[in-house]
Protein backbone atom coordinates (compact mmCIF):
# COMPACT_ATOMS: atom_id res chain seq x y z
CA ALA A 1 18.94 -48.58 21.04
CA VAL A 2 18.13 -44.97 21.35
CA ALA A 3 18.07 -43.06 18.03
CA ALA A 4 20.27 -40.01 18.01
CA ALA A 5 18.38 -36.77 17.46
CA ALA A 6 19.33 -34.83 14.33
CA PRO A 7 21.46 -31.83 15.20
CA VAL A 8 19.71 -28.51 15.07
CA VAL A 9 21.21 -26.21 12.52
CA VAL A 10 21.01 -22.51 13.52
CA GLN A 11 22.09 -20.07 10.87
CA VAL A 12 24.27 -17.15 11.91
CA PRO A 13 22.65 -13.78 11.01
CA VAL A 14 25.53 -12.83 8.64
CA ASP A 15 24.94 -16.12 6.68
CA VAL A 16 21.17 -15.43 6.61
CA LEU A 17 21.90 -12.00 5.27
CA LYS A 18 24.32 -13.31 2.65
CA ASP A 19 21.76 -15.83 1.47
CA LEU A 20 19.15 -13.11 1.25
CA GLN A 21 21.50 -10.89 -0.85
CA ARG A 22 22.19 -13.78 -3.25
CA SER A 23 18.57 -14.85 -3.68
CA ASN A 24 16.63 -11.50 -3.42
CA PRO A 25 17.58 -8.38 -5.34
CA ILE A 26 15.21 -6.30 -3.21
CA GLY A 27 16.87 -7.66 -0.05
CA ARG A 28 20.30 -6.70 -1.52
CA GLU A 29 19.05 -3.23 -2.40
CA GLN A 30 17.43 -2.75 1.05
CA TRP A 31 20.61 -3.90 2.83
CA GLY A 32 22.54 -1.25 0.82
CA ALA A 33 20.09 1.47 1.75
CA TYR A 34 20.03 0.31 5.40
CA CYS A 35 23.86 0.46 5.55
CA ASP A 36 23.97 3.89 3.86
CA LEU A 37 21.46 5.26 6.32
CA HIS A 38 22.54 3.52 9.56
CA GLY A 39 25.94 1.95 8.98
CA GLY A 40 28.14 4.64 7.43
CA GLY A 41 27.80 3.09 3.99
CA VAL A 42 29.71 -0.01 4.94
CA ARG A 43 27.96 -2.96 3.24
CA ASP A 44 30.18 -5.87 4.36
CA PRO A 45 28.02 -7.60 7.06
CA CYS A 46 31.10 -9.00 8.70
CA LYS A 47 32.23 -5.47 9.53
CA HIS A 48 29.06 -4.77 11.55
CA GLU A 49 27.94 -5.91 15.01
CA VAL A 50 25.69 -8.97 14.84
CA SER A 51 22.88 -6.90 16.47
CA PHE A 52 23.07 -4.45 13.45
CA VAL A 53 22.52 -7.36 11.05
CA GLU A 54 19.80 -8.85 13.25
CA ASN A 55 17.95 -5.51 13.34
CA PHE A 56 18.02 -5.22 9.56
CA LEU A 57 16.81 -8.79 9.07
CA ALA A 58 13.94 -8.29 11.56
CA GLN A 59 12.89 -5.05 9.85
CA PHE A 60 13.11 -6.60 6.40
CA GLN A 61 11.21 -9.69 7.42
CA ALA A 62 8.55 -7.54 9.08
CA GLY A 63 7.99 -5.85 5.69
CA HIS A 64 9.70 -2.50 6.45
CA ARG A 65 11.23 -0.98 3.24
CA LEU A 66 13.49 2.10 2.78
CA ASP A 67 13.08 4.39 -0.15
CA VAL A 68 15.78 3.64 -2.68
CA PRO A 69 16.19 5.91 -5.63
CA SER A 70 16.38 4.07 -8.90
CA GLU A 71 19.50 4.27 -11.00
CA ALA A 72 17.50 6.03 -13.72
CA GLU A 73 16.47 8.79 -11.25
CA SER A 74 20.11 9.11 -10.11
CA LEU A 75 21.31 9.31 -13.68
CA ALA A 76 18.68 11.87 -14.59
CA ASP A 77 19.62 14.03 -11.56
CA LEU A 78 23.30 13.77 -12.61
CA VAL A 79 22.52 14.90 -16.16
CA LYS A 80 20.32 17.83 -14.93
CA GLN A 81 23.10 18.90 -12.49
CA GLY A 82 25.68 18.77 -15.28
CA GLN A 83 23.41 20.86 -17.58
CA ARG A 84 23.00 23.50 -14.91
CA ARG A 85 26.67 23.74 -14.17
CA SER A 86 28.41 23.23 -17.58
CA ALA A 87 27.93 25.24 -20.76
CA PRO A 88 28.93 22.35 -23.05
CA TRP A 89 26.37 20.07 -21.28
CA LYS A 90 23.66 22.66 -21.89
CA GLN A 91 24.33 22.50 -25.62
CA ALA A 92 24.28 18.65 -25.76
């Protein structure tokens, strides 16, 4: 009898991305930055072409990283902007 070969499981790029987002906070953050920069801010991988997701995964796996402002930096900028534009904020 001939033994049947085990089926080869190929993951769909969207599934690979979803696994990355669940397991890697930097991957999730980088996907968001990539979508903001190249995908009109749409972060749902199912709403992009497969090639868009494949390009992100290839760049991420090659070690390319986008600059992502930290939430603390964004909050500090927001407070500074409020202080410049609002008299009550200046007094706070």
